[in-house]
Amino acid sequence: FDEEGYLSVVDRKKDMIKTGGENVASREVEEMIFTYAAVSEVAVFGVPHPHWIEAVIAVVVPRPGHSINAEDVLQFCRARMAGYKAPKLVEIIDELPKNASGKILKRELRERFSHLGNSLKA
């Protein structure tokens, strides 16, 4: 609710990432990463982490003809958003898994990258 009493839906409940006692809307992080010029598509989600509950992970598809460095995307995010919202890790892939109607299958991404949370420092 805002100061005038209006309710805004920020993200789907299942896409809300719980990290270090804070809630992070995956959509907010995705919108920030979309402003990076070389990004064509992005999906942000949480993976299990032993200290933070979940770690924020971004999977990015570069625009055709562009290359992306994961560390550059991390620095871009860290400079523009709160530390707990910025991804802890960025993975670069060729395409995001989608269903027949073109919706990104975050469930598949969570399963595919779930092991990464254990490799991140607290």
PDB file of N, CA and C in Angstrom:
ATOM      1  N   PHE A   1       0.841  -1.180   0.000  1.00  0.00           N
ATOM      2  CA  PHE A   1       0.000   0.000   0.000  1.00  0.00           C
ATOM      3  C   PHE A   1       0.884   1.242   0.000  1.00  0.00           C
ATOM      4  N   ASP A   2       0.502   2.235  -0.790  1.00  0.00           N
ATOM      5  CA  ASP A   2       1.261   3.481  -0.786  1.00  0.00           C
ATOM      6  C   ASP A   2       0.650   4.443   0.226  1.00  0.00           C
ATOM      7  N   GLU A   3       1.193   5.644   0.293  1.00  0.00           N
ATOM      8  CA  GLU A   3       0.736   6.617   1.287  1.00  0.00           C
ATOM      9  C   GLU A   3      -0.715   7.062   1.072  1.00  0.00           C
ATOM     10  N   GLU A   4      -1.246   6.850  -0.131  1.00  0.00           N
ATOM     11  CA  GLU A   4      -2.641   7.206  -0.416  1.00  0.00           C
ATOM     12  C   GLU A   4      -3.585   6.012  -0.262  1.00  0.00           C
ATOM     13  N   GLY A   5      -3.050   4.860   0.142  1.00  0.00           N
ATOM     14  CA  GLY A   5      -3.871   3.685   0.373  1.00  0.00           C
ATOM     15  C   GLY A   5      -4.060   2.785  -0.828  1.00  0.00           C
ATOM     16  N   TYR A   6      -3.358   3.059  -1.947  1.00  0.00           N
ATOM     17  CA  TYR A   6      -3.483   2.225  -3.137  1.00  0.00           C
ATOM     18  C   TYR A   6      -2.576   1.001  -3.034  1.00  0.00           C
ATOM     19  N   LEU A   7      -3.128  -0.129  -3.417  1.00  0.00           N
ATOM     20  CA  LEU A   7      -2.391  -1.375  -3.410  1.00  0.00           C
ATOM     21  C   LEU A   7      -1.749  -1.595  -4.773  1.00  0.00           C
ATOM     22  N   SER A   8      -0.476  -1.934  -4.796  1.00  0.00           N
ATOM     23  CA  SER A   8       0.228  -2.239  -6.037  1.00  0.00           C
ATOM     24  C   SER A   8       0.728  -3.670  -5.968  1.00  0.00           C
ATOM     25  N   VAL A   9       0.433  -4.446  -6.996  1.00  0.00           N
ATOM     26  CA  VAL A   9       0.952  -5.803  -7.088  1.00  0.00           C
ATOM     27  C   VAL A   9       2.310  -5.700  -7.759  1.00  0.00           C
ATOM     28  N   VAL A  10       3.349  -6.158  -7.060  1.00  0.00           N
ATOM     29  CA  VAL A  10       4.715  -6.019  -7.541  1.00  0.00           C
ATOM     30  C   VAL A  10       5.172  -7.266  -8.292  1.00  0.00           C
ATOM     31  N   ASP A  11       4.798  -8.427  -7.801  1.00  0.00           N
ATOM     32  CA  ASP A  11       5.263  -9.668  -8.397  1.00  0.00           C
ATOM     33  C   ASP A  11       4.375 -10.801  -7.925  1.00  0.00           C
ATOM     34  N   ARG A  12       4.476 -11.929  -8.585  1.00  0.00           N
ATOM     35  CA  ARG A  12       3.761 -13.117  -8.121  1.00  0.00           C
ATOM     36  C   ARG A  12       4.389 -13.585  -6.822  1.00  0.00           C
ATOM     37  N   LYS A  13       3.571 -14.072  -5.913  1.00  0.00           N
ATOM     38  CA  LYS A  13       4.080 -14.519  -4.620  1.00  0.00           C
ATOM     39  C   LYS A  13       5.187 -15.563  -4.786  1.00  0.00           C
ATOM     40  N   LYS A  14       4.988 -16.498  -5.723  1.00  0.00           N
ATOM     41  CA  LYS A  14       5.991 -17.552  -5.899  1.00  0.00           C
ATOM     42  C   LYS A  14       7.289 -17.016  -6.488  1.00  0.00           C
ATOM     43  N   ASP A  15       7.266 -15.820  -7.080  1.00  0.00           N
ATOM     44  CA  ASP A  15       8.476 -15.213  -7.621  1.00  0.00           C
ATOM     45  C   ASP A  15       9.138 -14.249  -6.651  1.00  0.00           C
ATOM     46  N   MET A  16       8.570 -14.095  -5.460  1.00  0.00           N
ATOM     47  CA  MET A  16       9.176 -13.260  -4.426  1.00  0.00           C
ATOM     48  C   MET A  16      10.335 -14.054  -3.826  1.00  0.00           C
ATOM     49  N   ILE A  17      11.488 -13.420  -3.742  1.00  0.00           N
ATOM     50  CA  ILE A  17      12.692 -14.071  -3.223  1.00  0.00           C
ATOM     51  C   ILE A  17      12.891 -13.622  -1.788  1.00  0.00           C
ATOM     52  N   LYS A  18      13.057 -14.574  -0.894  1.00  0.00           N
ATOM     53  CA  LYS A  18      13.289 -14.281   0.523  1.00  0.00           C
ATOM     54  C   LYS A  18      14.777 -14.468   0.795  1.00  0.00           C
ATOM     55  N   THR A  19      15.463 -13.349   1.000  1.00  0.00           N
ATOM     56  CA  THR A  19      16.913 -13.412   1.168  1.00  0.00           C
ATOM     57  C   THR A  19      17.359 -12.572   2.354  1.00  0.00           C
ATOM     58  N   GLY A  20      18.018 -13.197   3.299  1.00  0.00           N
ATOM     59  CA  GLY A  20      18.571 -12.489   4.446  1.00  0.00           C
ATOM     60  C   GLY A  20      17.554 -11.665   5.213  1.00  0.00           C
ATOM     61  N   GLY A  21      16.327 -12.138   5.332  1.00  0.00           N
ATOM     62  CA  GLY A  21      15.301 -11.420   6.069  1.00  0.00           C
ATOM     63  C   GLY A  21      14.586 -10.340   5.266  1.00  0.00           C
ATOM     64  N   GLU A  22      14.901 -10.230   3.998  1.00  0.00           N
ATOM     65  CA  GLU A  22      14.269  -9.234   3.118  1.00  0.00           C
ATOM     66  C   GLU A  22      13.524  -9.947   1.996  1.00  0.00           C
ATOM     67  N   ASN A  23      12.499  -9.294   1.476  1.00  0.00           N
ATOM     68  CA  ASN A  23      11.792  -9.805   0.302  1.00  0.00           C
ATOM     69  C   ASN A  23      12.247  -9.023  -0.919  1.00  0.00           C
ATOM     70  N   VAL A  24      12.559  -9.740  -1.978  1.00  0.00           N
ATOM     71  CA  VAL A  24      13.008  -9.137  -3.227  1.00  0.00           C
ATOM     72  C   VAL A  24      12.052  -9.556  -4.331  1.00  0.00           C
ATOM     73  N   ALA A  25      11.479  -8.583  -5.018  1.00  0.00           N
ATOM     74  CA  ALA A  25      10.613  -8.867  -6.158  1.00  0.00           C
ATOM     75  C   ALA A  25      11.491  -9.135  -7.371  1.00  0.00           C
ATOM     76  N   SER A  26      11.388 -10.334  -7.908  1.00  0.00           N
ATOM     77  CA  SER A  26      12.228 -10.695  -9.059  1.00  0.00           C
ATOM     78  C   SER A  26      11.999  -9.731 -10.223  1.00  0.00           C
ATOM     79  N   ARG A  27      10.777  -9.284 -10.385  1.00  0.00           N
ATOM     80  CA  ARG A  27      10.445  -8.368 -11.486  1.00  0.00           C
ATOM     81  C   ARG A  27      11.237  -7.064 -11.396  1.00  0.00           C
ATOM     82  N   GLU A  28      11.411  -6.551 -10.181  1.00  0.00           N
ATOM     83  CA  GLU A  28      12.169  -5.307  -9.995  1.00  0.00           C
ATOM     84  C   GLU A  28      13.621  -5.466 -10.450  1.00  0.00           C
ATOM     85  N   VAL A  29      14.215  -6.593 -10.102  1.00  0.00           N
ATOM     86  CA  VAL A  29      15.600  -6.852 -10.489  1.00  0.00           C
ATOM     87  C   VAL A  29      15.686  -7.062 -12.003  1.00  0.00           C
ATOM     88  N   GLU A  30      14.717  -7.792 -12.556  1.00  0.00           N
ATOM     89  CA  GLU A  30      14.696  -8.010 -14.003  1.00  0.00           C
ATOM     90  C   GLU A  30      14.599  -6.687 -14.757  1.00  0.00           C
ATOM     91  N   GLU A  31      13.738  -5.795 -14.293  1.00  0.00           N
ATOM     92  CA  GLU A  31      13.586  -4.501 -14.963  1.00  0.00           C
ATOM     93  C   GLU A  31      14.880  -3.700 -14.934  1.00  0.00           C
ATOM     94  N   MET A  32      15.635  -3.787 -13.848  1.00  0.00           N
ATOM     95  CA  MET A  32      16.928  -3.095 -13.770  1.00  0.00           C
ATOM     96  C   MET A  32      17.898  -3.695 -14.785  1.00  0.00           C
ATOM     97  N   ILE A  33      17.965  -5.018 -14.834  1.00  0.00           N
ATOM     98  CA  ILE A  33      18.907  -5.677 -15.737  1.00  0.00           C
ATOM     99  C   ILE A  33      18.536  -5.410 -17.192  1.00  0.00           C
ATOM    100  N   PHE A  34      17.243  -5.287 -17.489  1.00  0.00           N
ATOM    101  CA  PHE A  34      16.815  -4.975 -18.859  1.00  0.00           C
ATOM    102  C   PHE A  34      17.361  -3.638 -19.342  1.00  0.00           C
ATOM    103  N   THR A  35      17.735  -2.744 -18.433  1.00  0.00           N
ATOM    104  CA  THR A  35      18.283  -1.452 -18.855  1.00  0.00           C
ATOM    105  C   THR A  35      19.742  -1.564 -19.294  1.00  0.00           C
ATOM    106  N   TYR A  36      20.364  -2.714 -19.061  1.00  0.00           N
ATOM    107  CA  TYR A  36      21.723  -2.965 -19.535  1.00  0.00           C
ATOM    108  C   TYR A  36      21.633  -3.218 -21.044  1.00  0.00           C
ATOM    109  N   ALA A  37      22.305  -2.434 -21.823  1.00  0.00           N
ATOM    110  CA  ALA A  37      22.109  -2.395 -23.278  1.00  0.00           C
ATOM    111  C   ALA A  37      22.288  -3.731 -23.997  1.00  0.00           C
ATOM    112  N   ALA A  38      23.160  -4.588 -23.527  1.00  0.00           N
ATOM    113  CA  ALA A  38      23.446  -5.831 -24.236  1.00  0.00           C
ATOM    114  C   ALA A  38      22.519  -6.985 -23.855  1.00  0.00           C
ATOM    115  N   VAL A  39      21.527  -6.739 -22.995  1.00  0.00           N
ATOM    116  CA  VAL A  39      20.636  -7.803 -22.519  1.00  0.00           C
ATOM    117  C   VAL A  39      19.403  -7.911 -23.407  1.00  0.00           C
ATOM    118  N   SER A  40      19.143  -9.122 -23.879  1.00  0.00           N
ATOM    119  CA  SER A  40      17.940  -9.396 -24.660  1.00  0.00           C
ATOM    120  C   SER A  40      16.824  -9.924 -23.765  1.00  0.00           C
ATOM    121  N   GLU A  41      17.151 -10.900 -22.916  1.00  0.00           N
ATOM    122  CA  GLU A  41      16.190 -11.493 -21.996  1.00  0.00           C
ATOM    123  C   GLU A  41      16.862 -11.746 -20.664  1.00  0.00           C
ATOM    124  N   VAL A  42      16.027 -11.761 -19.603  1.00  0.00           N
ATOM    125  CA  VAL A  42      16.557 -12.036 -18.271  1.00  0.00           C
ATOM    126  C   VAL A  42      15.481 -12.695 -17.430  1.00  0.00           C
ATOM    127  N   ALA A  43      15.915 -13.581 -16.557  1.00  0.00           N
ATOM    128  CA  ALA A  43      15.038 -14.176 -15.554  1.00  0.00           C
ATOM    129  C   ALA A  43      15.770 -14.120 -14.223  1.00  0.00           C
ATOM    130  N   VAL A  44      15.083 -13.663 -13.204  1.00  0.00           N
ATOM    131  CA  VAL A  44      15.662 -13.570 -11.861  1.00  0.00           C
ATOM    132  C   VAL A  44      14.827 -14.447 -10.938  1.00  0.00           C
ATOM    133  N   PHE A  45      15.506 -15.203 -10.088  1.00  0.00           N
ATOM    134  CA  PHE A  45      14.825 -16.135  -9.189  1.00  0.00           C
ATOM    135  C   PHE A  45      15.732 -16.425  -8.001  1.00  0.00           C
ATOM    136  N   GLY A  46      15.174 -17.070  -7.003  1.00  0.00           N
ATOM    137  CA  GLY A  46      15.942 -17.437  -5.828  1.00  0.00           C
ATOM    138  C   GLY A  46      16.307 -18.909  -5.861  1.00  0.00           C
ATOM    139  N   VAL A  47      17.498 -19.208  -5.354  1.00  0.00           N
ATOM    140  CA  VAL A  47      17.917 -20.593  -5.168  1.00  0.00           C
ATOM    141  C   VAL A  47      18.254 -20.777  -3.691  1.00  0.00           C
ATOM    142  N   PRO A  48      18.065 -21.982  -3.165  1.00  0.00           N
ATOM    143  CA  PRO A  48      18.342 -22.215  -1.742  1.00  0.00           C
ATOM    144  C   PRO A  48      19.775 -21.844  -1.373  1.00  0.00           C
ATOM    145  N   HIS A  49      19.898 -21.183  -0.215  1.00  0.00           N
ATOM    146  CA  HIS A  49      21.215 -20.819   0.300  1.00  0.00           C
ATOM    147  C   HIS A  49      21.240 -21.113   1.801  1.00  0.00           C
ATOM    148  N   PRO A  50      22.303 -21.738   2.310  1.00  0.00           N
ATOM    149  CA  PRO A  50      22.324 -22.141   3.719  1.00  0.00           C
ATOM    150  C   PRO A  50      22.316 -20.977   4.715  1.00  0.00           C
ATOM    151  N   HIS A  51      22.744 -19.802   4.320  1.00  0.00           N
ATOM    152  CA  HIS A  51      22.792 -18.665   5.243  1.00  0.00           C
ATOM    153  C   HIS A  51      21.663 -17.663   4.992  1.00  0.00           C
ATOM    154  N   TRP A  52      21.380 -17.348   3.728  1.00  0.00           N
ATOM    155  CA  TRP A  52      20.415 -16.294   3.396  1.00  0.00           C
ATOM    156  C   TRP A  52      18.998 -16.806   3.178  1.00  0.00           C
ATOM    157  N   ILE A  53      18.748 -18.081   3.256  1.00  0.00           N
ATOM    158  CA  ILE A  53      17.495 -18.760   2.897  1.00  0.00           C
ATOM    159  C   ILE A  53      17.461 -18.936   1.377  1.00  0.00           C
ATOM    160  N   GLU A  54      17.507 -17.818   0.631  1.00  0.00           N
ATOM    161  CA  GLU A  54      17.602 -17.890  -0.828  1.00  0.00           C
ATOM    162  C   GLU A  54      18.636 -16.872  -1.300  1.00  0.00           C
ATOM    163  N   ALA A  55      19.292 -17.180  -2.401  1.00  0.00           N
ATOM    164  CA  ALA A  55      20.217 -16.246  -3.049  1.00  0.00           C
ATOM    165  C   ALA A  55      19.582 -15.785  -4.352  1.00  0.00           C
ATOM    166  N   VAL A  56      19.742 -14.501  -4.653  1.00  0.00           N
ATOM    167  CA  VAL A  56      19.204 -13.930  -5.888  1.00  0.00           C
ATOM    168  C   VAL A  56      20.135 -14.284  -7.042  1.00  0.00           C
ATOM    169  N   ILE A  57      19.570 -14.940  -8.063  1.00  0.00           N
ATOM    170  CA  ILE A  57      20.326 -15.367  -9.237  1.00  0.00           C
ATOM    171  C   ILE A  57      19.678 -14.750 -10.475  1.00  0.00           C
ATOM    172  N   ALA A  58      20.491 -14.291 -11.410  1.00  0.00           N
ATOM    173  CA  ALA A  58      19.982 -13.772 -12.688  1.00  0.00           C
ATOM    174  C   ALA A  58      20.552 -14.616 -13.817  1.00  0.00           C
ATOM    175  N   VAL A  59      19.680 -14.997 -14.735  1.00  0.00           N
ATOM    176  CA  VAL A  59      20.098 -15.712 -15.936  1.00  0.00           C
ATOM    177  C   VAL A  59      19.805 -14.778 -17.097  1.00  0.00           C
ATOM    178  N   VAL A  60      20.841 -14.495 -17.883  1.00  0.00           N
ATOM    179  CA  VAL A  60      20.766 -13.459 -18.911  1.00  0.00           C
ATOM    180  C   VAL A  60      21.059 -14.043 -20.287  1.00  0.00           C
ATOM    181  N   VAL A  61      20.284 -13.578 -21.265  1.00  0.00           N
ATOM    182  CA  VAL A  61      20.518 -13.911 -22.674  1.00  0.00           C
ATOM    183  C   VAL A  61      20.994 -12.628 -23.359  1.00  0.00           C
ATOM    184  N   PRO A  62      22.168 -12.660 -23.991  1.00  0.00           N
ATOM    185  CA  PRO A  62      22.656 -11.448 -24.662  1.00  0.00           C
ATOM    186  C   PRO A  62      21.889 -11.146 -25.948  1.00  0.00           C
ATOM    187  N   ARG A  63      21.861  -9.864 -26.314  1.00  0.00           N
ATOM    188  CA  ARG A  63      21.293  -9.455 -27.602  1.00  0.00           C
ATOM    189  C   ARG A  63      22.170 -10.024 -28.715  1.00  0.00           C
ATOM    190  N   PRO A  64      21.566 -10.364 -29.840  1.00  0.00           N
ATOM    191  CA  PRO A  64      22.374 -10.839 -30.962  1.00  0.00           C
ATOM    192  C   PRO A  64      23.467  -9.816 -31.316  1.00  0.00           C
ATOM    193  N   GLY A  65      24.665 -10.320 -31.516  1.00  0.00           N
ATOM    194  CA  GLY A  65      25.783  -9.456 -31.871  1.00  0.00           C
ATOM    195  C   GLY A  65      26.478  -8.805 -30.685  1.00  0.00           C
ATOM    196  N   HIS A  66      26.003  -9.060 -29.467  1.00  0.00           N
ATOM    197  CA  HIS A  66      26.610  -8.500 -28.260  1.00  0.00           C
ATOM    198  C   HIS A  66      27.164  -9.632 -27.409  1.00  0.00           C
ATOM    199  N   SER A  67      28.169  -9.312 -26.646  1.00  0.00           N
ATOM    200  CA  SER A  67      28.654 -10.269 -25.651  1.00  0.00           C
ATOM    201  C   SER A  67      28.456  -9.635 -24.280  1.00  0.00           C
ATOM    202  N   ILE A  68      28.237 -10.470 -23.298  1.00  0.00           N
ATOM    203  CA  ILE A  68      27.998  -9.998 -21.933  1.00  0.00           C
ATOM    204  C   ILE A  68      28.967 -10.699 -21.011  1.00  0.00           C
ATOM    205  N   ASN A  69      29.526  -9.928 -20.113  1.00  0.00           N
ATOM    206  CA  ASN A  69      30.382 -10.452 -19.070  1.00  0.00           C
ATOM    207  C   ASN A  69      29.557 -10.459 -17.782  1.00  0.00           C
ATOM    208  N   ALA A  70      29.453 -11.602 -17.120  1.00  0.00           N
ATOM    209  CA  ALA A  70      28.638 -11.728 -15.908  1.00  0.00           C
ATOM    210  C   ALA A  70      29.066 -10.733 -14.831  1.00  0.00           C
ATOM    211  N   GLU A  71      30.356 -10.539 -14.666  1.00  0.00           N
ATOM    212  CA  GLU A  71      30.844  -9.602 -13.633  1.00  0.00           C
ATOM    213  C   GLU A  71      30.411  -8.175 -13.941  1.00  0.00           C
ATOM    214  N   ASP A  72      30.378  -7.793 -15.214  1.00  0.00           N
ATOM    215  CA  ASP A  72      29.918  -6.450 -15.581  1.00  0.00           C
ATOM    216  C   ASP A  72      28.448  -6.254 -15.222  1.00  0.00           C
ATOM    217  N   VAL A  73      27.630  -7.283 -15.438  1.00  0.00           N
ATOM    218  CA  VAL A  73      26.209  -7.195 -15.079  1.00  0.00           C
ATOM    219  C   VAL A  73      26.058  -7.088 -13.565  1.00  0.00           C
ATOM    220  N   LEU A  74      26.847  -7.848 -12.817  1.00  0.00           N
ATOM    221  CA  LEU A  74      26.807  -7.763 -11.351  1.00  0.00           C
ATOM    222  C   LEU A  74      27.158  -6.359 -10.875  1.00  0.00           C
ATOM    223  N   GLN A  75      28.223  -5.784 -11.412  1.00  0.00           N
ATOM    224  CA  GLN A  75      28.635  -4.442 -11.024  1.00  0.00           C
ATOM    225  C   GLN A  75      27.569  -3.410 -11.393  1.00  0.00           C
ATOM    226  N   PHE A  76      26.957  -3.575 -12.551  1.00  0.00           N
ATOM    227  CA  PHE A  76      25.875  -2.701 -13.012  1.00  0.00           C
ATOM    228  C   PHE A  76      24.738  -2.711 -11.987  1.00  0.00           C
ATOM    229  N   CYS A  77      24.350  -3.890 -11.550  1.00  0.00           N
ATOM    230  CA  CYS A  77      23.255  -4.011 -10.570  1.00  0.00           C
ATOM    231  C   CYS A  77      23.646  -3.446  -9.210  1.00  0.00           C
ATOM    232  N   ARG A  78      24.835  -3.767  -8.752  1.00  0.00           N
ATOM    233  CA  ARG A  78      25.282  -3.301  -7.428  1.00  0.00           C
ATOM    234  C   ARG A  78      25.340  -1.780  -7.348  1.00  0.00           C
ATOM    235  N   ALA A  79      25.626  -1.137  -8.471  1.00  0.00           N
ATOM    236  CA  ALA A  79      25.715   0.327  -8.500  1.00  0.00           C
ATOM    237  C   ALA A  79      24.335   0.989  -8.527  1.00  0.00           C
ATOM    238  N   ARG A  80      23.285   0.217  -8.827  1.00  0.00           N
ATOM    239  CA  ARG A  80      21.967   0.812  -9.037  1.00  0.00           C
ATOM    240  C   ARG A  80      20.879   0.331  -8.098  1.00  0.00           C
ATOM    241  N   MET A  81      21.169  -0.636  -7.242  1.00  0.00           N
ATOM    242  CA  MET A  81      20.128  -1.131  -6.342  1.00  0.00           C
ATOM    243  C   MET A  81      20.730  -1.564  -5.009  1.00  0.00           C
ATOM    244  N   ALA A  82      19.854  -1.731  -4.039  1.00  0.00           N
ATOM    245  CA  ALA A  82      20.292  -2.154  -2.711  1.00  0.00           C
ATOM    246  C   ALA A  82      21.054  -3.471  -2.809  1.00  0.00           C
ATOM    247  N   GLY A  83      22.041  -3.635  -1.972  1.00  0.00           N
ATOM    248  CA  GLY A  83      22.889  -4.818  -2.009  1.00  0.00           C
ATOM    249  C   GLY A  83      22.140  -6.126  -1.897  1.00  0.00           C
ATOM    250  N   TYR A  84      21.103  -6.167  -1.068  1.00  0.00           N
ATOM    251  CA  TYR A  84      20.356  -7.414  -0.901  1.00  0.00           C
ATOM    252  C   TYR A  84      19.504  -7.746  -2.128  1.00  0.00           C
ATOM    253  N   LYS A  85      19.206  -6.750  -2.964  1.00  0.00           N
ATOM    254  CA  LYS A  85      18.409  -6.980  -4.175  1.00  0.00           C
ATOM    255  C   LYS A  85      19.271  -7.407  -5.360  1.00  0.00           C
ATOM    256  N   ALA A  86      20.504  -6.959  -5.382  1.00  0.00           N
ATOM    257  CA  ALA A  86      21.396  -7.263  -6.507  1.00  0.00           C
ATOM    258  C   ALA A  86      21.683  -8.761  -6.551  1.00  0.00           C
ATOM    259  N   PRO A  87      21.735  -9.342  -7.747  1.00  0.00           N
ATOM    260  CA  PRO A  87      22.041 -10.774  -7.851  1.00  0.00           C
ATOM    261  C   PRO A  87      23.386 -11.095  -7.220  1.00  0.00           C
ATOM    262  N   LYS A  88      23.459 -12.263  -6.632  1.00  0.00           N
ATOM    263  CA  LYS A  88      24.724 -12.758  -6.090  1.00  0.00           C
ATOM    264  C   LYS A  88      25.523 -13.447  -7.186  1.00  0.00           C
ATOM    265  N   LEU A  89      24.810 -13.830  -8.248  1.00  0.00           N
ATOM    266  CA  LEU A  89      25.457 -14.536  -9.350  1.00  0.00           C
ATOM    267  C   LEU A  89      24.669 -14.279 -10.622  1.00  0.00           C
ATOM    268  N   VAL A  90      25.384 -14.134 -11.732  1.00  0.00           N
ATOM    269  CA  VAL A  90      24.756 -13.992 -13.051  1.00  0.00           C
ATOM    270  C   VAL A  90      25.281 -15.120 -13.930  1.00  0.00           C
ATOM    271  N   GLU A  91      24.364 -15.804 -14.580  1.00  0.00           N
ATOM    272  CA  GLU A  91      24.713 -16.852 -15.540  1.00  0.00           C
ATOM    273  C   GLU A  91      24.308 -16.365 -16.925  1.00  0.00           C
ATOM    274  N   ILE A  92      25.157 -16.573 -17.899  1.00  0.00           N
ATOM    275  CA  ILE A  92      24.878 -16.191 -19.284  1.00  0.00           C
ATOM    276  C   ILE A  92      24.521 -17.471 -20.049  1.00  0.00           C
ATOM    277  N   ILE A  93      23.342 -17.478 -20.705  1.00  0.00           N
ATOM    278  CA  ILE A  93      22.926 -18.643 -21.485  1.00  0.00           C
ATOM    279  C   ILE A  93      22.412 -18.177 -22.849  1.00  0.00           C
ATOM    280  N   ASP A  94      22.241 -19.126 -23.759  1.00  0.00           N
ATOM    281  CA  ASP A  94      21.817 -18.801 -25.126  1.00  0.00           C
ATOM    282  C   ASP A  94      20.327 -18.515 -25.243  1.00  0.00           C
ATOM    283  N   GLU A  95      19.508 -19.226 -24.460  1.00  0.00           N
ATOM    284  CA  GLU A  95      18.069 -18.979 -24.492  1.00  0.00           C
ATOM    285  C   GLU A  95      17.423 -19.446 -23.203  1.00  0.00           C
ATOM    286  N   LEU A  96      16.325 -18.794 -22.846  1.00  0.00           N
ATOM    287  CA  LEU A  96      15.567 -19.150 -21.655  1.00  0.00           C
ATOM    288  C   LEU A  96      14.527 -20.204 -22.012  1.00  0.00           C
ATOM    289  N   PRO A  97      14.288 -21.161 -21.106  1.00  0.00           N
ATOM    290  CA  PRO A  97      13.244 -22.151 -21.381  1.00  0.00           C
ATOM    291  C   PRO A  97      11.868 -21.486 -21.307  1.00  0.00           C
ATOM    292  N   LYS A  98      11.015 -21.804 -22.279  1.00  0.00           N
ATOM    293  CA  LYS A  98       9.682 -21.196 -22.345  1.00  0.00           C
ATOM    294  C   LYS A  98       8.645 -22.257 -22.665  1.00  0.00           C
ATOM    295  N   ASN A  99       7.410 -21.975 -22.256  1.00  0.00           N
ATOM    296  CA  ASN A  99       6.314 -22.871 -22.624  1.00  0.00           C
ATOM    297  C   ASN A  99       5.816 -22.503 -24.018  1.00  0.00           C
ATOM    298  N   ALA A 100       4.777 -23.176 -24.481  1.00  0.00           N
ATOM    299  CA  ALA A 100       4.271 -22.976 -25.837  1.00  0.00           C
ATOM    300  C   ALA A 100       3.777 -21.556 -26.095  1.00  0.00           C
ATOM    301  N   SER A 101       3.333 -20.870 -25.045  1.00  0.00           N
ATOM    302  CA  SER A 101       2.848 -19.495 -25.223  1.00  0.00           C
ATOM    303  C   SER A 101       3.946 -18.452 -25.007  1.00  0.00           C
ATOM    304  N   GLY A 102       5.182 -18.902 -24.776  1.00  0.00           N
ATOM    305  CA  GLY A 102       6.306 -17.981 -24.655  1.00  0.00           C
ATOM    306  C   GLY A 102       6.629 -17.525 -23.245  1.00  0.00           C
ATOM    307  N   LYS A 103       5.924 -18.066 -22.239  1.00  0.00           N
ATOM    308  CA  LYS A 103       6.196 -17.690 -20.846  1.00  0.00           C
ATOM    309  C   LYS A 103       7.471 -18.383 -20.370  1.00  0.00           C
ATOM    310  N   ILE A 104       8.333 -17.617 -19.701  1.00  0.00           N
ATOM    311  CA  ILE A 104       9.585 -18.164 -19.175  1.00  0.00           C
ATOM    312  C   ILE A 104       9.277 -19.155 -18.068  1.00  0.00           C
ATOM    313  N   LEU A 105       9.904 -20.312 -18.127  1.00  0.00           N
ATOM    314  CA  LEU A 105       9.691 -21.368 -17.142  1.00  0.00           C
ATOM    315  C   LEU A 105      10.720 -21.252 -16.019  1.00  0.00           C
ATOM    316  N   LYS A 106      10.415 -20.387 -15.057  1.00  0.00           N
ATOM    317  CA  LYS A 106      11.342 -20.170 -13.941  1.00  0.00           C
ATOM    318  C   LYS A 106      11.523 -21.425 -13.103  1.00  0.00           C
ATOM    319  N   ARG A 107      10.499 -22.265 -13.043  1.00  0.00           N
ATOM    320  CA  ARG A 107      10.598 -23.517 -12.296  1.00  0.00           C
ATOM    321  C   ARG A 107      11.765 -24.346 -12.835  1.00  0.00           C
ATOM    322  N   GLU A 108      11.876 -24.420 -14.153  1.00  0.00           N
ATOM    323  CA  GLU A 108      12.993 -25.160 -14.770  1.00  0.00           C
ATOM    324  C   GLU A 108      14.335 -24.514 -14.440  1.00  0.00           C
ATOM    325  N   LEU A 109      14.360 -23.192 -14.459  1.00  0.00           N
ATOM    326  CA  LEU A 109      15.606 -22.491 -14.137  1.00  0.00           C
ATOM    327  C   LEU A 109      16.000 -22.718 -12.682  1.00  0.00           C
ATOM    328  N   ARG A 110      15.021 -22.671 -11.773  1.00  0.00           N
ATOM    329  CA  ARG A 110      15.315 -22.921 -10.351  1.00  0.00           C
ATOM    330  C   ARG A 110      15.916 -24.312 -10.173  1.00  0.00           C
ATOM    331  N   GLU A 111      15.337 -25.297 -10.845  1.00  0.00           N
ATOM    332  CA  GLU A 111      15.847 -26.669 -10.745  1.00  0.00           C
ATOM    333  C   GLU A 111      17.246 -26.772 -11.344  1.00  0.00           C
ATOM    334  N   ARG A 112      17.435 -26.184 -12.508  1.00  0.00           N
ATOM    335  CA  ARG A 112      18.717 -26.275 -13.217  1.00  0.00           C
ATOM    336  C   ARG A 112      19.859 -25.619 -12.444  1.00  0.00           C
ATOM    337  N   PHE A 113      19.572 -24.503 -11.780  1.00  0.00           N
ATOM    338  CA  PHE A 113      20.626 -23.745 -11.101  1.00  0.00           C
ATOM    339  C   PHE A 113      20.567 -23.839  -9.575  1.00  0.00           C
ATOM    340  N   SER A 114      19.750 -24.735  -9.019  1.00  0.00           N
ATOM    341  CA  SER A 114      19.555 -24.818  -7.566  1.00  0.00           C
ATOM    342  C   SER A 114      20.846 -25.114  -6.808  1.00  0.00           C
ATOM    343  N   HIS A 115      21.779 -25.790  -7.421  1.00  0.00           N
ATOM    344  CA  HIS A 115      23.042 -26.137  -6.763  1.00  0.00           C
ATOM    345  C   HIS A 115      23.954 -24.923  -6.529  1.00  0.00           C
ATOM    346  N   LEU A 116      23.718 -23.835  -7.228  1.00  0.00           N
ATOM    347  CA  LEU A 116      24.615 -22.676  -7.160  1.00  0.00           C
ATOM    348  C   LEU A 116      24.601 -21.978  -5.799  1.00  0.00           C
ATOM    349  N   GLY A 117      23.486 -22.047  -5.097  1.00  0.00           N
ATOM    350  CA  GLY A 117      23.395 -21.381  -3.799  1.00  0.00           C
ATOM    351  C   GLY A 117      24.426 -21.856  -2.808  1.00  0.00           C
ATOM    352  N   ASN A 118      24.739 -23.136  -2.846  1.00  0.00           N
ATOM    353  CA  ASN A 118      25.721 -23.697  -1.904  1.00  0.00           C
ATOM    354  C   ASN A 118      27.143 -23.240  -2.192  1.00  0.00           C
ATOM    355  N   SER A 119      27.396 -22.761  -3.419  1.00  0.00           N
ATOM    356  CA  SER A 119      28.749 -22.348  -3.780  1.00  0.00           C
ATOM    357  C   SER A 119      29.031 -20.881  -3.465  1.00  0.00           C
ATOM    358  N   LEU A 120      27.987 -20.139  -3.049  1.00  0.00           N
ATOM    359  CA  LEU A 120      28.147 -18.717  -2.763  1.00  0.00           C
ATOM    360  C   LEU A 120      28.539 -18.478  -1.318  1.00  0.00           C
ATOM    361  N   LYS A 121      29.403 -17.500  -1.095  1.00  0.00           N
ATOM    362  CA  LYS A 121      29.822 -17.160   0.259  1.00  0.00           C
ATOM    363  C   LYS A 121      28.681 -16.442   0.976  1.00  0.00           C
ATOM    364  N   ALA A 122      28.668 -16.568   2.278  1.00  0.00           N
ATOM    365  CA  ALA A 122      27.650 -15.885   3.112  1.00  0.00           C
ATOM    366  C   ALA A 122      27.976 -14.422   3.273  1.00  0.00           C
TER     367      ALA A 122
END
